[in-house]
Amino acid sequence: MRQICHLHLTRFVGILLDRKDRVSMAVGLEVRVPFCDHRLVDYGYNAPWALKSFAGREKSPLREATADVIPTSVYDRAKSPYPSTQDPAHGSALQVQAKDLLARPGHPVFDLVDRERLRQAAHREAPVYTQAARRGLERALDLAQWIDLLEPDITLT
């Protein structure tokens, strides 16, 4: 879990913060993210996993720390993922990018991703509007980009 948290902090959070900045500034808003304070992130990252989920729910320490100052409806609310785009053009753009990736037969991502499944998703005639329909395309493309950027030495056992 520590490795996953590290990857999330070093690879994904920056993308989300950049997206937050771009979207909010595009409409003239300034959005604050107080839980991204480096001291709080450092503390949370270094806390033992058992402490992070002691109540059997995500964000247990944060929920308990604020239990007496937030409404019960907020305390009990299920975590919701960062919103994804619902624009049909996004799904079409993913399909185009997947077709470009498929045109690179020796790409190392195909040691990890099923080429045929990606081909089927890239050539699906029905629009990929839903998150479930886009998820496989997004993950394959993210993985390919990660491999292109970092050129990791991947050994399958």
N, C-alpha and C. Protein backbone atom coordinates (compact mmCIF):
# COMPACT_ATOMS: atom_id res chain seq x y z
N MET A 1 0.82 -1.19 0.00
CA MET A 1 0.00 0.00 0.00
C MET A 1 0.87 1.26 0.00
N ARG A 2 2.02 1.18 0.66
CA ARG A 2 2.90 2.35 0.69
C ARG A 2 3.39 2.68 -0.72
N GLN A 3 3.73 1.65 -1.49
CA GLN A 3 4.19 1.88 -2.87
C GLN A 3 3.07 2.48 -3.72
N ILE A 4 1.86 1.99 -3.54
CA ILE A 4 0.73 2.53 -4.29
C ILE A 4 0.49 3.99 -3.90
N CYS A 5 0.56 4.28 -2.60
CA CYS A 5 0.39 5.66 -2.15
C CYS A 5 1.48 6.56 -2.73
N HIS A 6 2.71 6.06 -2.78
CA HIS A 6 3.82 6.84 -3.35
C HIS A 6 3.56 7.13 -4.82
N LEU A 7 3.16 6.12 -5.57
CA LEU A 7 2.86 6.33 -6.98
C LEU A 7 1.71 7.32 -7.16
N HIS A 8 0.71 7.20 -6.31
CA HIS A 8 -0.43 8.12 -6.39
C HIS A 8 0.03 9.56 -6.15
N LEU A 9 0.84 9.76 -5.11
CA LEU A 9 1.30 11.11 -4.79
C LEU A 9 2.24 11.67 -5.85
N THR A 10 3.11 10.84 -6.38
CA THR A 10 4.13 11.35 -7.30
C THR A 10 3.68 11.37 -8.75
N ARG A 11 2.65 10.62 -9.10
CA ARG A 11 2.24 10.56 -10.50
C ARG A 11 0.85 11.15 -10.74
N PHE A 12 -0.09 10.92 -9.83
CA PHE A 12 -1.48 11.24 -10.10
C PHE A 12 -1.92 12.56 -9.48
N VAL A 13 -1.48 12.85 -8.27
CA VAL A 13 -1.94 14.05 -7.58
C VAL A 13 -1.55 15.31 -8.35
N GLY A 14 -0.34 15.34 -8.90
CA GLY A 14 0.07 16.50 -9.68
C GLY A 14 -0.83 16.74 -10.87
N ILE A 15 -1.25 15.68 -11.52
CA ILE A 15 -2.17 15.80 -12.66
C ILE A 15 -3.51 16.36 -12.20
N LEU A 16 -4.01 15.86 -11.07
CA LEU A 16 -5.29 16.34 -10.56
C LEU A 16 -5.20 17.81 -10.15
N LEU A 17 -4.10 18.20 -9.51
CA LEU A 17 -3.95 19.59 -9.10
C LEU A 17 -3.83 20.52 -10.32
N ASP A 18 -3.13 20.06 -11.33
CA ASP A 18 -3.02 20.85 -12.56
C ASP A 18 -4.40 21.01 -13.20
N ARG A 19 -5.15 19.92 -13.26
CA ARG A 19 -6.50 19.97 -13.83
C ARG A 19 -7.38 20.91 -13.02
N LYS A 20 -7.28 20.84 -11.70
CA LYS A 20 -8.06 21.72 -10.82
C LYS A 20 -7.72 23.17 -11.12
N ASP A 21 -6.43 23.48 -11.26
CA ASP A 21 -6.02 24.86 -11.56
C ASP A 21 -6.57 25.33 -12.90
N ARG A 22 -6.43 24.51 -13.92
CA ARG A 22 -6.89 24.91 -15.25
C ARG A 22 -8.40 25.10 -15.32
N VAL A 23 -9.13 24.18 -14.73
CA VAL A 23 -10.59 24.26 -14.79
C VAL A 23 -11.09 25.45 -13.98
N SER A 24 -10.55 25.63 -12.78
CA SER A 24 -11.04 26.73 -11.94
C SER A 24 -10.67 28.08 -12.52
N MET A 25 -9.46 28.23 -13.02
CA MET A 25 -9.05 29.52 -13.59
C MET A 25 -9.77 29.82 -14.90
N ALA A 26 -10.19 28.80 -15.60
CA ALA A 26 -10.93 29.01 -16.85
C ALA A 26 -12.26 29.71 -16.60
N VAL A 27 -12.79 29.55 -15.39
CA VAL A 27 -14.06 30.19 -15.07
C VAL A 27 -13.91 31.25 -13.98
N GLY A 28 -12.66 31.65 -13.73
CA GLY A 28 -12.41 32.75 -12.81
C GLY A 28 -12.55 32.42 -11.34
N LEU A 29 -12.34 31.19 -10.96
CA LEU A 29 -12.42 30.79 -9.55
C LEU A 29 -11.02 30.46 -9.02
N GLU A 30 -10.84 30.68 -7.74
CA GLU A 30 -9.63 30.19 -7.10
C GLU A 30 -10.05 29.10 -6.13
N VAL A 31 -9.55 27.93 -6.35
CA VAL A 31 -9.93 26.77 -5.54
C VAL A 31 -8.79 26.47 -4.57
N ARG A 32 -9.15 26.22 -3.33
CA ARG A 32 -8.16 25.88 -2.30
C ARG A 32 -8.20 24.38 -2.04
N VAL A 33 -7.05 23.81 -1.75
CA VAL A 33 -6.96 22.39 -1.41
C VAL A 33 -6.18 22.25 -0.09
N PRO A 34 -6.85 22.55 1.03
CA PRO A 34 -6.14 22.56 2.31
C PRO A 34 -5.56 21.21 2.72
N PHE A 35 -6.14 20.13 2.24
CA PHE A 35 -5.61 18.82 2.62
C PHE A 35 -4.39 18.43 1.81
N CYS A 36 -3.97 19.30 0.89
CA CYS A 36 -2.73 19.06 0.13
C CYS A 36 -1.55 19.81 0.73
N ASP A 37 -1.72 20.38 1.91
CA ASP A 37 -0.60 21.01 2.60
C ASP A 37 0.50 19.96 2.78
N HIS A 38 1.71 20.33 2.42
CA HIS A 38 2.80 19.34 2.41
C HIS A 38 3.02 18.68 3.77
N ARG A 39 2.76 19.41 4.86
CA ARG A 39 2.95 18.82 6.20
C ARG A 39 1.90 17.76 6.48
N LEU A 40 0.67 18.02 6.07
CA LEU A 40 -0.40 17.04 6.27
C LEU A 40 -0.19 15.82 5.37
N VAL A 41 0.21 16.06 4.13
CA VAL A 41 0.47 14.95 3.20
C VAL A 41 1.62 14.10 3.73
N ASP A 42 2.68 14.73 4.21
CA ASP A 42 3.83 14.00 4.75
C ASP A 42 3.41 13.16 5.96
N TYR A 43 2.61 13.76 6.84
CA TYR A 43 2.15 13.04 8.02
C TYR A 43 1.28 11.85 7.61
N GLY A 44 0.34 12.09 6.71
CA GLY A 44 -0.55 11.01 6.26
C GLY A 44 0.20 9.91 5.54
N TYR A 45 1.16 10.28 4.72
CA TYR A 45 1.93 9.29 3.98
C TYR A 45 2.72 8.39 4.93
N ASN A 46 3.26 8.96 5.97
CA ASN A 46 4.11 8.20 6.90
C ASN A 46 3.34 7.50 8.00
N ALA A 47 2.04 7.73 8.09
CA ALA A 47 1.24 7.03 9.10
C ALA A 47 1.08 5.56 8.70
N PRO A 48 1.08 4.66 9.67
CA PRO A 48 0.89 3.24 9.35
C PRO A 48 -0.47 3.00 8.70
N TRP A 49 -0.52 2.02 7.82
CA TRP A 49 -1.75 1.73 7.09
C TRP A 49 -2.91 1.43 8.03
N ALA A 50 -2.65 0.73 9.12
CA ALA A 50 -3.72 0.40 10.07
C ALA A 50 -4.36 1.66 10.63
N LEU A 51 -3.59 2.72 10.79
CA LEU A 51 -4.14 3.98 11.30
C LEU A 51 -4.98 4.68 10.23
N LYS A 52 -4.59 4.53 8.99
CA LYS A 52 -5.29 5.23 7.91
C LYS A 52 -6.70 4.69 7.67
N SER A 53 -6.93 3.45 8.03
CA SER A 53 -8.24 2.84 7.78
C SER A 53 -8.76 2.11 9.02
N PHE A 54 -8.50 2.68 10.19
CA PHE A 54 -8.82 1.99 11.44
C PHE A 54 -10.31 1.72 11.63
N ALA A 55 -11.18 2.51 11.04
CA ALA A 55 -12.61 2.30 11.20
C ALA A 55 -13.18 1.47 10.05
N GLY A 56 -12.31 0.92 9.22
CA GLY A 56 -12.76 0.11 8.10
C GLY A 56 -13.28 0.94 6.93
N ARG A 57 -12.99 2.23 6.94
CA ARG A 57 -13.43 3.13 5.86
C ARG A 57 -12.24 3.97 5.42
N GLU A 58 -12.36 4.48 4.19
CA GLU A 58 -11.33 5.38 3.71
C GLU A 58 -11.35 6.67 4.52
N LYS A 59 -10.21 7.28 4.64
CA LYS A 59 -10.06 8.58 5.31
C LYS A 59 -10.50 8.55 6.77
N SER A 60 -10.31 7.43 7.46
CA SER A 60 -10.74 7.30 8.85
C SER A 60 -10.16 8.40 9.75
N PRO A 61 -8.85 8.70 9.71
CA PRO A 61 -8.34 9.75 10.61
C PRO A 61 -8.97 11.11 10.34
N LEU A 62 -9.17 11.45 9.08
CA LEU A 62 -9.77 12.74 8.73
C LEU A 62 -11.21 12.79 9.20
N ARG A 63 -11.94 11.71 9.02
CA ARG A 63 -13.33 11.68 9.47
C ARG A 63 -13.41 11.87 10.98
N GLU A 64 -12.56 11.14 11.71
CA GLU A 64 -12.61 11.22 13.17
C GLU A 64 -12.12 12.57 13.68
N ALA A 65 -11.12 13.14 13.03
CA ALA A 65 -10.59 14.43 13.47
C ALA A 65 -11.61 15.55 13.31
N THR A 66 -12.53 15.38 12.37
CA THR A 66 -13.51 16.44 12.10
C THR A 66 -14.92 16.06 12.53
N ALA A 67 -15.07 14.95 13.20
CA ALA A 67 -16.41 14.43 13.55
C ALA A 67 -17.24 15.43 14.35
N ASP A 68 -16.62 16.22 15.19
CA ASP A 68 -17.39 17.14 16.03
C ASP A 68 -17.64 18.50 15.37
N VAL A 69 -17.13 18.71 14.16
CA VAL A 69 -17.31 20.02 13.51
C VAL A 69 -18.00 19.94 12.15
N ILE A 70 -18.23 18.73 11.65
CA ILE A 70 -18.93 18.60 10.36
C ILE A 70 -20.25 17.88 10.58
N PRO A 71 -21.21 18.14 9.71
CA PRO A 71 -22.51 17.46 9.84
C PRO A 71 -22.36 15.95 9.67
N THR A 72 -23.24 15.21 10.30
CA THR A 72 -23.23 13.75 10.20
C THR A 72 -23.35 13.30 8.75
N SER A 73 -24.12 14.03 7.96
CA SER A 73 -24.30 13.65 6.56
C SER A 73 -22.97 13.72 5.80
N VAL A 74 -22.11 14.65 6.17
CA VAL A 74 -20.79 14.74 5.54
C VAL A 74 -19.87 13.66 6.09
N TYR A 75 -19.92 13.46 7.40
CA TYR A 75 -19.10 12.44 8.04
C TYR A 75 -19.38 11.06 7.46
N ASP A 76 -20.66 10.76 7.23
CA ASP A 76 -21.06 9.43 6.75
C ASP A 76 -21.04 9.29 5.23
N ARG A 77 -20.80 10.37 4.52
CA ARG A 77 -20.86 10.35 3.07
C ARG A 77 -19.76 9.45 2.49
N ALA A 78 -20.12 8.66 1.50
CA ALA A 78 -19.15 7.80 0.82
C ALA A 78 -18.20 8.67 0.00
N LYS A 79 -16.98 8.25 -0.09
CA LYS A 79 -15.99 8.96 -0.89
C LYS A 79 -16.42 8.88 -2.36
N SER A 80 -16.33 9.99 -3.05
CA SER A 80 -16.66 9.98 -4.48
C SER A 80 -15.39 10.28 -5.27
N PRO A 81 -15.22 9.62 -6.40
CA PRO A 81 -14.01 9.82 -7.18
C PRO A 81 -13.99 11.20 -7.82
N TYR A 82 -12.80 11.62 -8.21
CA TYR A 82 -12.65 12.88 -8.93
C TYR A 82 -13.49 12.78 -10.19
N PRO A 83 -14.28 13.79 -10.49
CA PRO A 83 -15.17 13.68 -11.65
C PRO A 83 -14.41 13.49 -12.96
N SER A 84 -14.94 12.65 -13.79
CA SER A 84 -14.34 12.45 -15.11
C SER A 84 -15.21 13.14 -16.14
N THR A 85 -14.61 13.41 -17.27
CA THR A 85 -15.35 14.10 -18.32
C THR A 85 -16.44 13.20 -18.89
N GLN A 86 -17.55 13.81 -19.22
CA GLN A 86 -18.66 13.08 -19.84
C GLN A 86 -18.79 13.43 -21.31
N ASP A 87 -17.87 14.23 -21.82
CA ASP A 87 -17.92 14.66 -23.20
C ASP A 87 -17.66 13.48 -24.13
N PRO A 88 -18.57 13.20 -25.06
CA PRO A 88 -18.37 12.09 -25.99
C PRO A 88 -17.09 12.23 -26.81
N ALA A 89 -16.66 13.46 -27.04
CA ALA A 89 -15.43 13.67 -27.81
C ALA A 89 -14.22 13.10 -27.08
N HIS A 90 -14.29 13.05 -25.75
CA HIS A 90 -13.18 12.48 -24.97
C HIS A 90 -13.03 10.99 -25.30
N GLY A 91 -14.13 10.27 -25.32
CA GLY A 91 -14.08 8.85 -25.66
C GLY A 91 -13.55 8.63 -27.07
N SER A 92 -13.98 9.47 -27.99
CA SER A 92 -13.49 9.36 -29.38
C SER A 92 -12.00 9.63 -29.46
N ALA A 93 -11.54 10.64 -28.71
CA ALA A 93 -10.11 10.96 -28.70
C ALA A 93 -9.30 9.81 -28.11
N LEU A 94 -9.84 9.15 -27.09
CA LEU A 94 -9.16 7.98 -26.51
C LEU A 94 -9.03 6.87 -27.55
N GLN A 95 -10.08 6.67 -28.33
CA GLN A 95 -10.04 5.63 -29.36
C GLN A 95 -8.97 5.96 -30.41
N VAL A 96 -8.86 7.21 -30.80
CA VAL A 96 -7.83 7.61 -31.77
C VAL A 96 -6.44 7.35 -31.20
N GLN A 97 -6.23 7.72 -29.93
CA GLN A 97 -4.93 7.50 -29.30
C GLN A 97 -4.62 6.02 -29.18
N ALA A 98 -5.64 5.21 -28.87
CA ALA A 98 -5.43 3.77 -28.77
C ALA A 98 -5.05 3.18 -30.13
N LYS A 99 -5.68 3.68 -31.20
CA LYS A 99 -5.33 3.21 -32.55
C LYS A 99 -3.89 3.57 -32.88
N ASP A 100 -3.45 4.77 -32.47
CA ASP A 100 -2.06 5.17 -32.68
C ASP A 100 -1.11 4.24 -31.92
N LEU A 101 -1.49 3.89 -30.70
CA LEU A 101 -0.65 2.98 -29.91
C LEU A 101 -0.60 1.59 -30.56
N LEU A 102 -1.74 1.14 -31.05
CA LEU A 102 -1.78 -0.17 -31.71
C LEU A 102 -0.91 -0.20 -32.96
N ALA A 103 -0.66 0.94 -33.56
CA ALA A 103 0.19 1.02 -34.76
C ALA A 103 1.66 0.89 -34.41
N ARG A 104 1.97 0.81 -33.11
CA ARG A 104 3.35 0.63 -32.65
C ARG A 104 3.51 -0.80 -32.14
N PRO A 105 3.71 -1.77 -33.03
CA PRO A 105 3.66 -3.19 -32.65
C PRO A 105 4.68 -3.62 -31.61
N GLY A 106 5.82 -2.99 -31.56
CA GLY A 106 6.84 -3.42 -30.61
C GLY A 106 6.80 -2.70 -29.28
N HIS A 107 5.75 -1.95 -29.04
CA HIS A 107 5.69 -1.18 -27.79
C HIS A 107 5.63 -2.12 -26.59
N PRO A 108 6.47 -1.85 -25.56
CA PRO A 108 6.50 -2.74 -24.40
C PRO A 108 5.21 -2.81 -23.60
N VAL A 109 4.28 -1.88 -23.81
CA VAL A 109 3.02 -1.95 -23.07
C VAL A 109 2.28 -3.24 -23.40
N PHE A 110 2.54 -3.79 -24.59
CA PHE A 110 1.82 -5.01 -24.99
C PHE A 110 2.35 -6.26 -24.31
N ASP A 111 3.40 -6.10 -23.48
CA ASP A 111 3.80 -7.18 -22.59
C ASP A 111 2.84 -7.24 -21.40
N LEU A 112 2.13 -6.13 -21.16
CA LEU A 112 1.24 -6.03 -20.00
C LEU A 112 -0.24 -5.89 -20.37
N VAL A 113 -0.50 -5.38 -21.57
CA VAL A 113 -1.87 -5.11 -22.00
C VAL A 113 -2.22 -6.05 -23.15
N ASP A 114 -3.41 -6.60 -23.10
CA ASP A 114 -3.90 -7.48 -24.15
C ASP A 114 -4.19 -6.66 -25.41
N ARG A 115 -3.37 -6.86 -26.42
CA ARG A 115 -3.49 -6.09 -27.67
C ARG A 115 -4.88 -6.25 -28.30
N GLU A 116 -5.40 -7.46 -28.29
CA GLU A 116 -6.69 -7.70 -28.94
C GLU A 116 -7.82 -6.98 -28.22
N ARG A 117 -7.80 -6.97 -26.91
CA ARG A 117 -8.84 -6.25 -26.16
C ARG A 117 -8.75 -4.75 -26.42
N LEU A 118 -7.53 -4.24 -26.49
CA LEU A 118 -7.36 -2.82 -26.77
C LEU A 118 -7.84 -2.51 -28.19
N ARG A 119 -7.56 -3.41 -29.12
CA ARG A 119 -8.01 -3.22 -30.50
C ARG A 119 -9.54 -3.17 -30.55
N GLN A 120 -10.18 -4.08 -29.84
CA GLN A 120 -11.65 -4.10 -29.83
C GLN A 120 -12.22 -2.81 -29.25
N ALA A 121 -11.63 -2.33 -28.17
CA ALA A 121 -12.10 -1.09 -27.56
C ALA A 121 -11.86 0.11 -28.47
N ALA A 122 -10.71 0.11 -29.15
CA ALA A 122 -10.37 1.23 -30.03
C ALA A 122 -11.26 1.28 -31.26
N HIS A 123 -11.75 0.13 -31.69
CA HIS A 123 -12.57 0.09 -32.90
C HIS A 123 -14.06 -0.09 -32.61
N ARG A 124 -14.46 -0.01 -31.37
CA ARG A 124 -15.87 -0.14 -31.00
C ARG A 124 -16.65 0.97 -31.70
N GLU A 125 -17.74 0.59 -32.34
CA GLU A 125 -18.53 1.58 -33.06
C GLU A 125 -19.41 2.40 -32.13
N ALA A 126 -19.90 1.78 -31.07
CA ALA A 126 -20.71 2.53 -30.12
C ALA A 126 -19.81 3.54 -29.41
N PRO A 127 -20.28 4.74 -29.21
CA PRO A 127 -19.46 5.75 -28.53
C PRO A 127 -19.09 5.29 -27.12
N VAL A 128 -17.91 5.64 -26.69
CA VAL A 128 -17.47 5.26 -25.35
C VAL A 128 -17.79 6.40 -24.38
N TYR A 129 -19.08 6.53 -24.06
CA TYR A 129 -19.54 7.61 -23.18
C TYR A 129 -19.33 7.30 -21.71
N THR A 130 -19.54 6.07 -21.32
CA THR A 130 -19.53 5.74 -19.91
C THR A 130 -18.12 5.58 -19.37
N GLN A 131 -18.01 5.79 -18.07
CA GLN A 131 -16.71 5.64 -17.42
C GLN A 131 -16.21 4.21 -17.57
N ALA A 132 -17.09 3.25 -17.44
CA ALA A 132 -16.69 1.85 -17.57
C ALA A 132 -16.14 1.57 -18.97
N ALA A 133 -16.76 2.16 -19.98
CA ALA A 133 -16.31 1.93 -21.36
C ALA A 133 -14.96 2.58 -21.63
N ARG A 134 -14.68 3.68 -20.94
CA ARG A 134 -13.42 4.39 -21.16
C ARG A 134 -12.28 3.88 -20.30
N ARG A 135 -12.60 3.24 -19.19
CA ARG A 135 -11.58 2.87 -18.20
C ARG A 135 -10.43 2.07 -18.79
N GLY A 136 -10.74 1.04 -19.58
CA GLY A 136 -9.68 0.21 -20.15
C GLY A 136 -8.79 1.00 -21.10
N LEU A 137 -9.40 1.84 -21.93
CA LEU A 137 -8.61 2.68 -22.84
C LEU A 137 -7.70 3.62 -22.06
N GLU A 138 -8.25 4.28 -21.05
CA GLU A 138 -7.46 5.22 -20.26
C GLU A 138 -6.30 4.54 -19.57
N ARG A 139 -6.56 3.38 -18.98
CA ARG A 139 -5.49 2.67 -18.27
C ARG A 139 -4.38 2.21 -19.20
N ALA A 140 -4.75 1.68 -20.35
CA ALA A 140 -3.74 1.23 -21.31
C ALA A 140 -2.91 2.41 -21.81
N LEU A 141 -3.57 3.52 -22.11
CA LEU A 141 -2.85 4.70 -22.60
C LEU A 141 -1.98 5.31 -21.50
N ASP A 142 -2.48 5.36 -20.26
CA ASP A 142 -1.67 5.86 -19.15
C ASP A 142 -0.44 5.01 -18.94
N LEU A 143 -0.62 3.69 -18.99
CA LEU A 143 0.51 2.78 -18.82
C LEU A 143 1.54 2.95 -19.93
N ALA A 144 1.07 3.09 -21.16
CA ALA A 144 1.99 3.30 -22.29
C ALA A 144 2.75 4.60 -22.13
N GLN A 145 2.07 5.65 -21.68
CA GLN A 145 2.76 6.93 -21.49
C GLN A 145 3.78 6.83 -20.37
N TRP A 146 3.42 6.14 -19.29
CA TRP A 146 4.34 5.95 -18.17
C TRP A 146 5.60 5.23 -18.66
N ILE A 147 5.42 4.19 -19.46
CA ILE A 147 6.56 3.45 -20.00
C ILE A 147 7.40 4.35 -20.90
N ASP A 148 6.74 5.15 -21.74
CA ASP A 148 7.48 6.06 -22.63
C ASP A 148 8.28 7.09 -21.85
N LEU A 149 7.70 7.62 -20.79
CA LEU A 149 8.37 8.67 -20.02
C LEU A 149 9.51 8.15 -19.15
N LEU A 150 9.26 7.05 -18.46
CA LEU A 150 10.23 6.59 -17.45
C LEU A 150 11.11 5.44 -17.92
N GLU A 151 10.72 4.81 -19.03
CA GLU A 151 11.48 3.68 -19.57
C GLU A 151 11.91 2.69 -18.49
N PRO A 152 10.94 2.17 -17.72
CA PRO A 152 11.29 1.25 -16.64
C PRO A 152 11.77 -0.09 -17.18
N ASP A 153 12.54 -0.78 -16.40
CA ASP A 153 12.98 -2.13 -16.75
C ASP A 153 11.95 -3.08 -16.12
N ILE A 154 11.08 -3.63 -16.95
CA ILE A 154 9.99 -4.47 -16.45
C ILE A 154 10.33 -5.92 -16.73
N THR A 155 10.32 -6.72 -15.66
CA THR A 155 10.57 -8.14 -15.78
C THR A 155 9.33 -8.88 -15.31
N LEU A 156 8.75 -9.65 -16.19
CA LEU A 156 7.57 -10.45 -15.84
C LEU A 156 8.01 -11.81 -15.35
N THR A 157 7.44 -12.22 -14.25
CA THR A 157 7.79 -13.55 -13.71
C THR A 157 6.59 -14.44 -13.65
